[in-house]
Amino acid sequence: MTDKAVNIIGGGLAGCEAALYLSRRGVKVNLFEAKPVWRSAAHKSDNLAEIVCSNSLKSVLPTTASGALKNEIFHLGGTLLEIAKETAVPAGGALAVDREEFSSRVTERIKNSNNINIVSEVVERFDTDEVTLVCAGPVCHDKLASYIGELTGEQSLSFFDAAAPIITAESVDMDYAFFGARYGKGGDDYLNCPMSKDEYLAFYDALINAERAKDEVTGVFEGCMPVEVMASRGVDALRYGPLRPVGFDKKYYAVLQLRKENVFSTLYNLVGFQTNLKFGEQKRVFSMIPALKNMEIVRYGVMHRNTFINAPKAINADLRLKKYPNVFIAGQLCGVEGYVESIATGLVAAINAERFINGAATVIPPEETVIGALLRYIATPNSDFQPMNANFGILPSIGGKKADRKLAYYNRSDGAIQNFVKSALS
């Protein structure tokens, strides 16, 4: 064991996961967090591990890459998903959290750790000779982003991300809504707001012609697209996306789903309705959905810049910078997209940081695991690099019948991560 401290810049999901892992292993951590000194436009709370956009951490099902990734994090010794389970709200086959309670519990866990020293300051530059995990997130301070650009030798890329509105449950008109999950996956986890053809077409016309907060937004990420941008791709684009009217006992033309935002079921978010519309336009257009005609918005949808490095040119698959081996990059900044993906990279960066300071070789989970495949993806040369979510498409292909293939990916991942823990981490 070494007495060297590890510096972690950023108290988001990746940074907190990394700090808690290292702390449990007896490693001293200096956790640098800009809040409350400075907050980005996307952040509202002074707590650590603040969840900004959707409160869903996606599927837990073993037939999904997100479910496989969660299982891998469990075997690697992650903490944040356990806290997520403690603060979960019903969401069918997904893991969704009461975001305030989740953030509060993570903050409490960090503050109660004897090995973690929280430093509240804006980091603009840092000593590359010290072991440092940069987990500053996709909306980090401009000066830090600029410095990271200097270190990587590349201008930081960026795209725009969006969040959906949150409304009060009591403002939903239940004469036009019903509880239930698509295909019966969950009980009354979702509140469904159906539309007739005429209602949908009127809503669609208002949406595509509504005034946006920014005249022009470039570099929108496909995985978190503003609803108005998706709608502009065709009149039925939403009906094949967030408003798909399938999986219910009765036929509808379009259905918006609302997902619980907190454990008290007093707040709901509009699933898939990330938006860049002006606040007044959000109220006007979304109120055209019959169940939402009297909706009370407690948080409007917003867009914000997300920054990520050109990972294939800048970092190795172990998450270390190629030019500065003491520096690790984790979270969305390293080129993964998603909450659980960020947690996973923070965990791997912490594992490798501990090994590095103790003179051991860094490790990469097998390519048969989702996290291993993600790490190899972001480190592989790519002339048009874009952030990547967890998906089975980046794993080595597997044979068998199509109907059984997804579960086979999960089972192979499960075996591979357990063997990796026994052989490389024990």
Protein backbone atom coordinates (compact mmCIF):
# COMPACT_ATOMS: atom_id res chain seq x y z
CA MET A 1 0.00 0.00 0.00
CA THR A 2 1.23 3.50 -0.86
CA ASP A 3 0.76 6.77 1.02
CA LYS A 4 0.35 8.68 -2.24
CA ALA A 5 -2.95 10.51 -2.65
CA VAL A 6 -4.95 10.43 -5.86
CA ASN A 7 -6.49 13.66 -7.13
CA ILE A 8 -9.98 13.43 -8.63
CA ILE A 9 -11.35 16.45 -10.48
CA GLY A 10 -15.14 16.44 -10.56
CA GLY A 11 -17.74 15.16 -8.11
CA GLY A 12 -20.19 13.75 -10.63
CA LEU A 13 -21.06 10.10 -11.14
CA ALA A 14 -17.65 9.00 -12.42
CA GLY A 15 -15.70 11.01 -9.85
CA CYS A 16 -17.80 9.84 -6.90
CA GLU A 17 -17.63 6.19 -7.99
CA ALA A 18 -13.86 6.47 -8.33
CA ALA A 19 -13.46 8.23 -4.97
CA LEU A 20 -15.54 5.67 -3.10
CA TYR A 21 -13.69 2.73 -4.66
CA LEU A 22 -10.26 4.14 -3.81
CA SER A 23 -11.38 5.10 -0.31
CA ARG A 24 -12.54 1.56 0.42
CA ARG A 25 -9.13 0.31 -0.74
CA GLY A 26 -7.37 2.61 1.73
CA VAL A 27 -6.19 5.15 -0.84
CA LYS A 28 -6.29 8.81 0.16
CA VAL A 29 -8.29 10.96 -2.27
CA ASN A 30 -8.46 14.69 -2.87
CA LEU A 31 -11.85 15.23 -4.54
CA PHE A 32 -11.97 18.60 -6.27
CA GLU A 33 -15.51 19.84 -6.91
CA ALA A 34 -16.36 23.27 -8.32
CA LYS A 35 -19.71 23.51 -6.52
CA PRO A 36 -20.73 25.61 -4.68
CA VAL A 37 -18.06 28.05 -5.92
CA TRP A 38 -19.21 27.58 -9.53
CA ARG A 39 -22.05 25.69 -11.18
CA SER A 40 -22.75 25.11 -14.85
CA ALA A 41 -26.08 26.21 -16.28
CA ALA A 42 -27.20 22.57 -16.22
CA HIS A 43 -26.63 22.06 -12.47
CA LYS A 44 -29.02 23.24 -9.76
CA SER A 45 -27.89 21.49 -6.55
CA ASP A 46 -24.75 21.79 -4.44
CA ASN A 47 -24.75 18.03 -3.83
CA LEU A 48 -22.34 15.62 -5.46
CA ALA A 49 -23.41 13.10 -8.12
CA GLU A 50 -26.17 15.39 -9.35
CA ILE A 51 -28.26 13.82 -12.10
CA VAL A 52 -29.06 16.53 -14.62
CA CYS A 53 -31.13 15.02 -17.43
CA SER A 54 -33.37 11.94 -17.19
CA ASN A 55 -33.64 10.19 -13.83
CA SER A 56 -33.48 6.80 -15.57
CA LEU A 57 -30.33 4.69 -15.51
CA LYS A 58 -31.90 2.52 -18.21
CA SER A 59 -32.74 -1.16 -18.29
CA VAL A 60 -31.78 -3.80 -15.75
CA LEU A 61 -32.98 -6.68 -17.94
CA PRO A 62 -30.43 -9.39 -18.80
CA THR A 63 -31.40 -9.12 -22.45
CA THR A 64 -29.99 -5.59 -22.67
CA ALA A 65 -26.48 -4.18 -22.83
CA SER A 66 -27.39 -1.75 -20.05
CA GLY A 67 -28.38 -4.68 -17.84
CA ALA A 68 -25.12 -6.46 -18.65
CA LEU A 69 -23.11 -3.34 -17.84
CA LYS A 70 -24.79 -2.99 -14.46
CA ASN A 71 -23.95 -6.60 -13.69
CA GLU A 72 -20.30 -5.98 -14.62
CA ILE A 73 -20.15 -2.95 -12.32
CA PHE A 74 -21.51 -5.09 -9.49
CA HIS A 75 -18.72 -7.65 -9.96
CA LEU A 76 -16.09 -4.89 -10.16
CA GLY A 77 -17.16 -3.55 -6.77
CA GLY A 78 -19.15 -0.45 -7.68
CA THR A 79 -21.06 1.58 -5.11
CA LEU A 80 -23.31 4.06 -6.90
CA LEU A 81 -25.66 1.48 -8.41
CA GLU A 82 -26.30 0.10 -4.94
CA ILE A 83 -27.28 3.60 -3.82
CA ALA A 84 -29.43 3.89 -6.95
CA LYS A 85 -31.31 0.75 -5.95
CA GLU A 86 -31.86 2.20 -2.47
CA THR A 87 -33.39 5.36 -3.97
CA ALA A 88 -35.23 3.76 -6.89
CA VAL A 89 -38.67 4.75 -8.12
CA PRO A 90 -40.86 2.33 -10.12
CA ALA A 91 -39.90 2.28 -13.80
CA GLY A 92 -40.77 -1.15 -15.17
CA GLY A 93 -37.66 -2.90 -16.41
CA ALA A 94 -35.52 0.19 -15.88
CA LEU A 95 -33.62 1.55 -12.88
CA ALA A 96 -34.84 5.08 -12.22
CA VAL A 97 -34.05 7.11 -9.11
CA ASP A 98 -35.36 9.89 -6.96
CA ARG A 99 -32.56 12.13 -8.15
CA GLU A 100 -32.47 14.40 -5.07
CA GLU A 101 -32.39 11.48 -2.63
CA PHE A 102 -29.78 9.68 -4.72
CA SER A 103 -27.49 12.70 -4.84
CA SER A 104 -27.99 13.37 -1.14
CA ARG A 105 -27.01 9.82 -0.16
CA VAL A 106 -23.94 9.80 -2.37
CA THR A 107 -22.85 13.13 -0.90
CA GLU A 108 -23.34 11.80 2.63
CA ARG A 109 -21.31 8.67 1.82
CA ILE A 110 -18.46 10.76 0.42
CA LYS A 111 -18.43 13.19 3.34
CA ASN A 112 -18.40 10.34 5.86
CA SER A 113 -15.33 8.72 4.32
CA ASN A 114 -12.12 9.22 6.29
CA ASN A 115 -10.03 8.83 3.14
CA ILE A 116 -11.75 11.48 1.00
CA ASN A 117 -10.85 15.14 1.30
CA ILE A 118 -13.37 17.35 -0.53
CA VAL A 119 -11.83 20.52 -1.98
CA SER A 120 -14.37 23.10 -3.16
CA GLU A 121 -12.66 25.04 -5.90
CA VAL A 122 -12.64 25.52 -9.64
CA VAL A 123 -9.70 23.63 -11.13
CA GLU A 124 -8.35 25.37 -14.20
CA ARG A 125 -5.01 23.55 -14.48
CA PHE A 126 -3.33 20.72 -12.57
CA ASP A 127 0.05 19.05 -12.07
CA THR A 128 0.38 16.24 -14.62
CA ASP A 129 3.13 14.64 -12.52
CA GLU A 130 0.55 13.77 -9.87
CA VAL A 131 -1.84 10.84 -10.33
CA THR A 132 -5.06 12.56 -11.39
CA LEU A 133 -8.46 11.35 -12.52
CA VAL A 134 -10.24 13.98 -14.59
CA CYS A 135 -13.96 13.29 -14.19
CA ALA A 136 -15.09 16.86 -14.68
CA GLY A 137 -18.10 15.99 -16.78
CA PRO A 138 -19.40 17.18 -20.12
CA VAL A 139 -20.23 20.69 -18.86
CA CYS A 140 -16.96 21.37 -17.08
CA HIS A 141 -15.55 24.85 -16.63
CA ASP A 142 -14.36 26.44 -19.89
CA LYS A 143 -10.83 27.01 -18.60
CA LEU A 144 -10.44 23.38 -17.53
CA ALA A 145 -11.82 22.22 -20.88
CA SER A 146 -9.32 24.45 -22.64
CA TYR A 147 -6.45 23.05 -20.56
CA ILE A 148 -7.50 19.47 -21.31
CA GLY A 149 -7.46 20.46 -24.97
CA GLU A 150 -3.86 21.61 -24.50
CA LEU A 151 -2.88 18.30 -22.91
CA THR A 152 -4.50 16.16 -25.56
CA GLY A 153 -3.18 18.21 -28.45
CA GLU A 154 -6.68 18.29 -29.87
CA GLN A 155 -9.47 20.81 -29.66
CA SER A 156 -12.19 19.40 -27.44
CA LEU A 157 -15.18 18.29 -29.45
CA SER A 158 -18.67 19.13 -28.26
CA PHE A 159 -22.32 18.42 -28.86
CA PHE A 160 -25.54 19.66 -27.32
CA ASP A 161 -27.49 17.61 -24.80
CA ALA A 162 -31.05 18.20 -23.66
CA ALA A 163 -33.27 17.57 -20.64
CA ALA A 164 -37.03 16.98 -20.53
CA PRO A 165 -39.54 18.99 -18.50
CA ILE A 166 -40.73 17.82 -15.09
CA ILE A 167 -44.36 18.39 -14.11
CA THR A 168 -46.54 17.89 -11.03
CA ALA A 169 -48.59 14.70 -10.85
CA GLU A 170 -51.68 16.53 -9.64
CA SER A 171 -51.77 18.68 -12.76
CA VAL A 172 -52.25 15.66 -15.06
CA ASP A 173 -55.87 15.27 -16.17
CA MET A 174 -56.60 11.63 -15.37
CA ASP A 175 -59.70 11.66 -17.59
CA TYR A 176 -57.22 11.48 -20.47
CA ALA A 177 -54.44 9.35 -18.92
CA PHE A 178 -53.94 5.84 -17.59
CA PHE A 179 -51.30 3.91 -15.65
CA GLY A 180 -49.41 0.99 -17.11
CA ALA A 181 -46.17 -0.07 -18.79
CA ARG A 182 -45.70 -1.12 -22.39
CA TYR A 183 -46.00 -4.88 -22.91
CA GLY A 184 -46.71 -5.31 -19.20
CA LYS A 185 -43.08 -4.70 -18.21
CA GLY A 186 -43.83 -3.21 -14.81
CA GLY A 187 -47.06 -2.43 -13.02
CA ASP A 188 -48.31 1.13 -12.79
CA ASP A 189 -44.82 2.50 -13.30
CA TYR A 190 -45.73 4.86 -16.15
CA LEU A 191 -48.54 7.34 -16.64
CA ASN A 192 -49.66 7.22 -20.27
CA CYS A 193 -51.10 10.15 -22.19
CA PRO A 194 -52.73 9.01 -25.46
CA MET A 195 -53.63 11.14 -28.47
CA SER A 196 -56.01 10.65 -31.36
CA LYS A 197 -54.82 11.19 -34.92
CA ASP A 198 -56.25 14.72 -35.09
CA GLU A 199 -54.79 15.62 -31.68
CA TYR A 200 -51.39 14.27 -32.67
CA LEU A 201 -51.27 16.08 -36.01
CA ALA A 202 -52.22 19.39 -34.35
CA PHE A 203 -49.55 18.82 -31.69
CA TYR A 204 -46.99 17.87 -34.34
CA ASP A 205 -47.64 20.99 -36.40
CA ALA A 206 -47.30 23.22 -33.34
CA LEU A 207 -44.11 21.45 -32.25
CA ILE A 208 -42.17 21.75 -35.51
CA ASN A 209 -43.13 25.42 -35.84
CA ALA A 210 -42.51 26.39 -32.20
CA GLU A 211 -39.84 28.96 -31.32
CA ARG A 212 -36.59 27.49 -30.04
CA ALA A 213 -34.27 28.90 -27.38
CA LYS A 214 -31.33 28.78 -29.79
CA ASP A 215 -31.65 29.73 -33.44
CA GLU A 216 -29.31 26.96 -34.54
CA VAL A 217 -27.88 24.00 -32.70
CA THR A 218 -25.23 21.84 -34.32
CA GLY A 219 -23.69 18.59 -33.16
CA VAL A 220 -26.84 17.18 -31.54
CA PHE A 221 -26.19 13.72 -30.10
CA GLU A 222 -28.48 11.07 -31.55
CA GLY A 223 -28.98 9.36 -28.19
CA CYS A 224 -30.50 12.42 -26.52
CA MET A 225 -32.16 14.32 -29.33
CA PRO A 226 -34.51 17.27 -28.70
CA VAL A 227 -38.07 16.19 -29.45
CA GLU A 228 -38.55 19.00 -31.95
CA VAL A 229 -35.44 17.94 -33.88
CA MET A 230 -36.70 14.36 -34.03
CA ALA A 231 -40.13 15.58 -35.15
CA SER A 232 -38.56 17.56 -38.00
CA ARG A 233 -37.45 14.28 -39.57
CA GLY A 234 -41.00 13.36 -40.51
CA VAL A 235 -44.58 13.39 -39.32
CA ASP A 236 -44.36 9.84 -37.97
CA ALA A 237 -40.86 10.08 -36.47
CA LEU A 238 -42.23 10.55 -32.93
CA ARG A 239 -44.73 7.71 -33.41
CA TYR A 240 -41.79 5.40 -34.02
CA GLY A 241 -39.88 6.97 -31.13
CA PRO A 242 -41.03 8.28 -27.72
CA LEU A 243 -44.71 8.43 -28.74
CA ARG A 244 -44.95 4.91 -30.16
CA PRO A 245 -48.48 3.61 -29.47
CA VAL A 246 -47.57 -0.03 -28.96
CA GLY A 247 -47.61 -2.49 -26.07
CA PHE A 248 -51.03 -1.49 -24.69
CA ASP A 249 -54.31 -3.39 -24.52
CA LYS A 250 -56.07 -0.69 -26.53
CA LYS A 251 -55.00 0.86 -29.84
CA TYR A 252 -53.97 4.51 -29.81
CA TYR A 253 -52.52 6.80 -32.46
CA ALA A 254 -49.73 8.16 -30.24
CA VAL A 255 -48.87 7.83 -26.54
CA LEU A 256 -46.62 9.99 -24.39
CA GLN A 257 -45.33 8.26 -21.26
CA LEU A 258 -44.63 10.06 -17.98
CA ARG A 259 -42.13 8.48 -15.58
CA LYS A 260 -42.03 9.04 -11.82
CA GLU A 261 -39.43 11.59 -10.81
CA ASN A 262 -39.46 10.99 -7.05
CA VAL A 263 -40.41 8.32 -4.53
CA PHE A 264 -43.48 10.29 -3.43
CA SER A 265 -44.95 10.09 -6.96
CA THR A 266 -45.67 13.82 -6.89
CA LEU A 267 -43.49 14.66 -9.90
CA TYR A 268 -43.24 13.14 -13.37
CA ASN A 269 -40.92 13.73 -16.30
CA LEU A 270 -41.96 13.60 -19.93
CA VAL A 271 -40.13 10.56 -21.32
CA GLY A 272 -38.23 11.33 -24.52
CA PHE A 273 -39.24 15.01 -24.48
CA GLN A 274 -35.81 16.57 -24.18
CA THR A 275 -36.25 19.98 -25.71
CA ASN A 276 -34.72 23.26 -26.81
CA LEU A 277 -38.01 25.15 -27.05
CA LYS A 278 -38.41 28.45 -25.25
CA PHE A 279 -40.09 28.03 -21.87
CA GLY A 280 -43.36 29.65 -22.99
CA GLU A 281 -43.45 27.43 -26.06
CA GLN A 282 -42.96 24.31 -23.95
CA LYS A 283 -46.03 25.24 -21.91
CA ARG A 284 -48.09 26.08 -25.01
CA VAL A 285 -47.18 23.11 -27.19
CA PHE A 286 -47.00 20.31 -24.61
CA SER A 287 -50.33 21.45 -23.13
CA MET A 288 -51.93 20.44 -26.43
CA ILE A 289 -51.64 16.81 -25.27
CA PRO A 290 -55.09 16.24 -23.70
CA ALA A 291 -53.84 14.83 -20.38
CA LEU A 292 -51.43 17.75 -20.02
CA LYS A 293 -53.80 20.61 -20.82
CA ASN A 294 -53.45 21.94 -17.24
CA MET A 295 -49.89 20.79 -16.61
CA GLU A 296 -47.75 22.59 -14.05
CA ILE A 297 -44.07 22.60 -15.03
CA VAL A 298 -41.65 22.64 -12.09
CA ARG A 299 -38.53 22.36 -14.26
CA TYR A 300 -38.49 23.31 -17.91
CA GLY A 301 -36.53 21.38 -20.48
CA VAL A 302 -33.10 22.84 -21.23
CA MET A 303 -30.19 22.30 -23.57
CA HIS A 304 -26.55 22.55 -22.63
CA ARG A 305 -23.19 21.95 -24.21
CA ASN A 306 -21.56 18.59 -23.66
CA THR A 307 -17.81 18.38 -24.13
CA PHE A 308 -15.74 15.27 -24.80
CA ILE A 309 -12.19 14.64 -25.93
CA ASN A 310 -11.15 13.06 -29.21
CA ALA A 311 -10.53 9.85 -27.30
CA PRO A 312 -8.92 7.69 -30.03
CA LYS A 313 -6.14 10.25 -30.42
CA ALA A 314 -5.81 11.18 -26.76
CA ILE A 315 -6.18 8.16 -24.46
CA ASN A 316 -5.43 4.47 -24.23
CA ALA A 317 -8.04 1.85 -23.39
CA ASP A 318 -6.92 1.93 -19.74
CA LEU A 319 -8.16 5.56 -19.71
CA ARG A 320 -4.69 7.13 -19.35
CA LEU A 321 -3.64 10.03 -21.54
CA LYS A 322 -1.09 8.88 -24.10
CA LYS A 323 1.18 11.86 -23.46
CA TYR A 324 0.68 12.05 -19.69
CA PRO A 325 0.47 8.55 -18.15
CA ASN A 326 -0.28 9.91 -14.66
CA VAL A 327 -3.55 11.41 -15.92
CA PHE A 328 -6.74 9.38 -16.38
CA ILE A 329 -9.89 10.66 -18.11
CA ALA A 330 -13.25 9.16 -17.09
CA GLY A 331 -16.96 9.87 -17.39
CA GLN A 332 -18.61 11.42 -20.41
CA LEU A 333 -15.51 13.51 -20.99
CA CYS A 334 -13.69 10.38 -22.20
CA GLY A 335 -16.22 9.68 -24.93
CA VAL A 336 -18.87 7.44 -23.40
CA GLU A 337 -22.49 8.54 -23.22
CA GLY A 338 -24.83 7.71 -20.36
CA TYR A 339 -24.99 7.64 -16.58
CA VAL A 340 -24.05 3.99 -16.10
CA GLU A 341 -21.33 4.21 -18.74
CA SER A 342 -19.84 7.15 -16.82
CA ILE A 343 -19.99 5.22 -13.56
CA ALA A 344 -18.26 2.27 -15.22
CA THR A 345 -15.37 4.36 -16.56
CA GLY A 346 -14.91 6.06 -13.19
CA LEU A 347 -14.67 2.62 -11.60
CA VAL A 348 -12.13 1.33 -14.13
CA ALA A 349 -10.07 4.51 -13.83
CA ALA A 350 -9.98 4.06 -10.05
CA ILE A 351 -8.97 0.41 -10.37
CA ASN A 352 -6.13 1.37 -12.69
CA ALA A 353 -5.08 4.38 -10.62
CA GLU A 354 -4.67 2.18 -7.55
CA ARG A 355 -2.66 -0.34 -9.53
CA PHE A 356 -0.54 2.42 -11.06
CA ILE A 357 0.45 4.02 -7.75
CA ASN A 358 1.34 0.58 -6.40
CA GLY A 359 3.56 -0.24 -9.35
CA ALA A 360 1.24 -2.80 -10.96
CA ALA A 361 0.26 -2.87 -14.61
CA THR A 362 -3.05 -1.31 -15.59
CA VAL A 363 -5.81 -3.63 -16.80
CA ILE A 364 -8.70 -3.60 -19.26
CA PRO A 365 -11.75 -5.83 -18.84
CA PRO A 366 -12.19 -8.44 -21.58
CA GLU A 367 -13.66 -7.40 -24.93
CA GLU A 368 -16.55 -9.81 -24.25
CA THR A 369 -17.75 -7.41 -21.53
CA VAL A 370 -19.67 -4.23 -22.29
CA ILE A 371 -17.22 -2.03 -20.38
CA GLY A 372 -14.26 -3.72 -22.06
CA ALA A 373 -15.82 -3.22 -25.47
CA LEU A 374 -16.60 0.43 -24.69
CA LEU A 375 -13.02 1.11 -23.61
CA ARG A 376 -11.66 -0.47 -26.79
CA TYR A 377 -14.17 1.48 -28.89
CA ILE A 378 -13.16 4.88 -27.54
CA ALA A 379 -9.46 4.04 -27.93
CA THR A 380 -9.72 2.73 -31.52
CA PRO A 381 -8.79 5.14 -34.35
CA ASN A 382 -11.91 6.79 -35.77
CA SER A 383 -11.98 9.73 -38.18
CA ASP A 384 -15.46 10.79 -37.02
CA PHE A 385 -15.48 9.88 -33.33
CA GLN A 386 -18.76 10.32 -31.43
CA PRO A 387 -19.71 9.29 -27.86
CA MET A 388 -20.89 5.70 -27.48
CA ASN A 389 -23.60 4.13 -25.32
CA ALA A 390 -23.57 0.57 -24.03
CA ASN A 391 -24.82 -1.77 -26.75
CA PHE A 392 -24.23 -5.34 -27.86
CA GLY A 393 -23.15 -4.18 -31.31
CA ILE A 394 -19.67 -3.25 -30.10
CA LEU A 395 -19.04 -6.71 -28.61
CA PRO A 396 -17.53 -9.60 -30.58
CA SER A 397 -20.40 -11.26 -32.43
CA ILE A 398 -21.97 -14.38 -31.03
CA GLY A 399 -23.74 -17.23 -32.80
CA GLY A 400 -27.04 -18.91 -32.13
CA LYS A 401 -30.66 -18.04 -32.79
CA LYS A 402 -31.55 -14.36 -32.92
CA ALA A 403 -34.14 -14.77 -30.17
CA ASP A 404 -31.50 -16.18 -27.79
CA ARG A 405 -28.59 -13.97 -28.80
CA LYS A 406 -29.12 -11.09 -26.35
CA LEU A 407 -29.24 -13.35 -23.32
CA ALA A 408 -26.18 -15.17 -24.68
CA TYR A 409 -24.30 -11.84 -24.79
CA TYR A 410 -25.26 -11.23 -21.16
CA ASN A 411 -24.21 -14.70 -20.03
CA ARG A 412 -20.89 -14.45 -21.84
CA SER A 413 -20.30 -11.02 -20.31
CA ASP A 414 -21.13 -12.34 -16.85
CA GLY A 415 -18.64 -15.18 -17.14
CA ALA A 416 -15.95 -12.95 -18.61
CA ILE A 417 -16.18 -10.29 -15.90
CA GLN A 418 -16.12 -12.87 -13.10
CA ASN A 419 -13.03 -14.52 -14.59
CA PHE A 420 -11.42 -11.10 -14.97
CA VAL A 421 -12.02 -10.22 -11.31
CA LYS A 422 -10.58 -13.55 -10.15
CA SER A 423 -7.53 -13.49 -12.42
CA ALA A 424 -6.64 -9.80 -12.64
CA LEU A 425 -8.03 -8.13 -9.51
CA SER A 426 -7.79 -10.71 -6.73
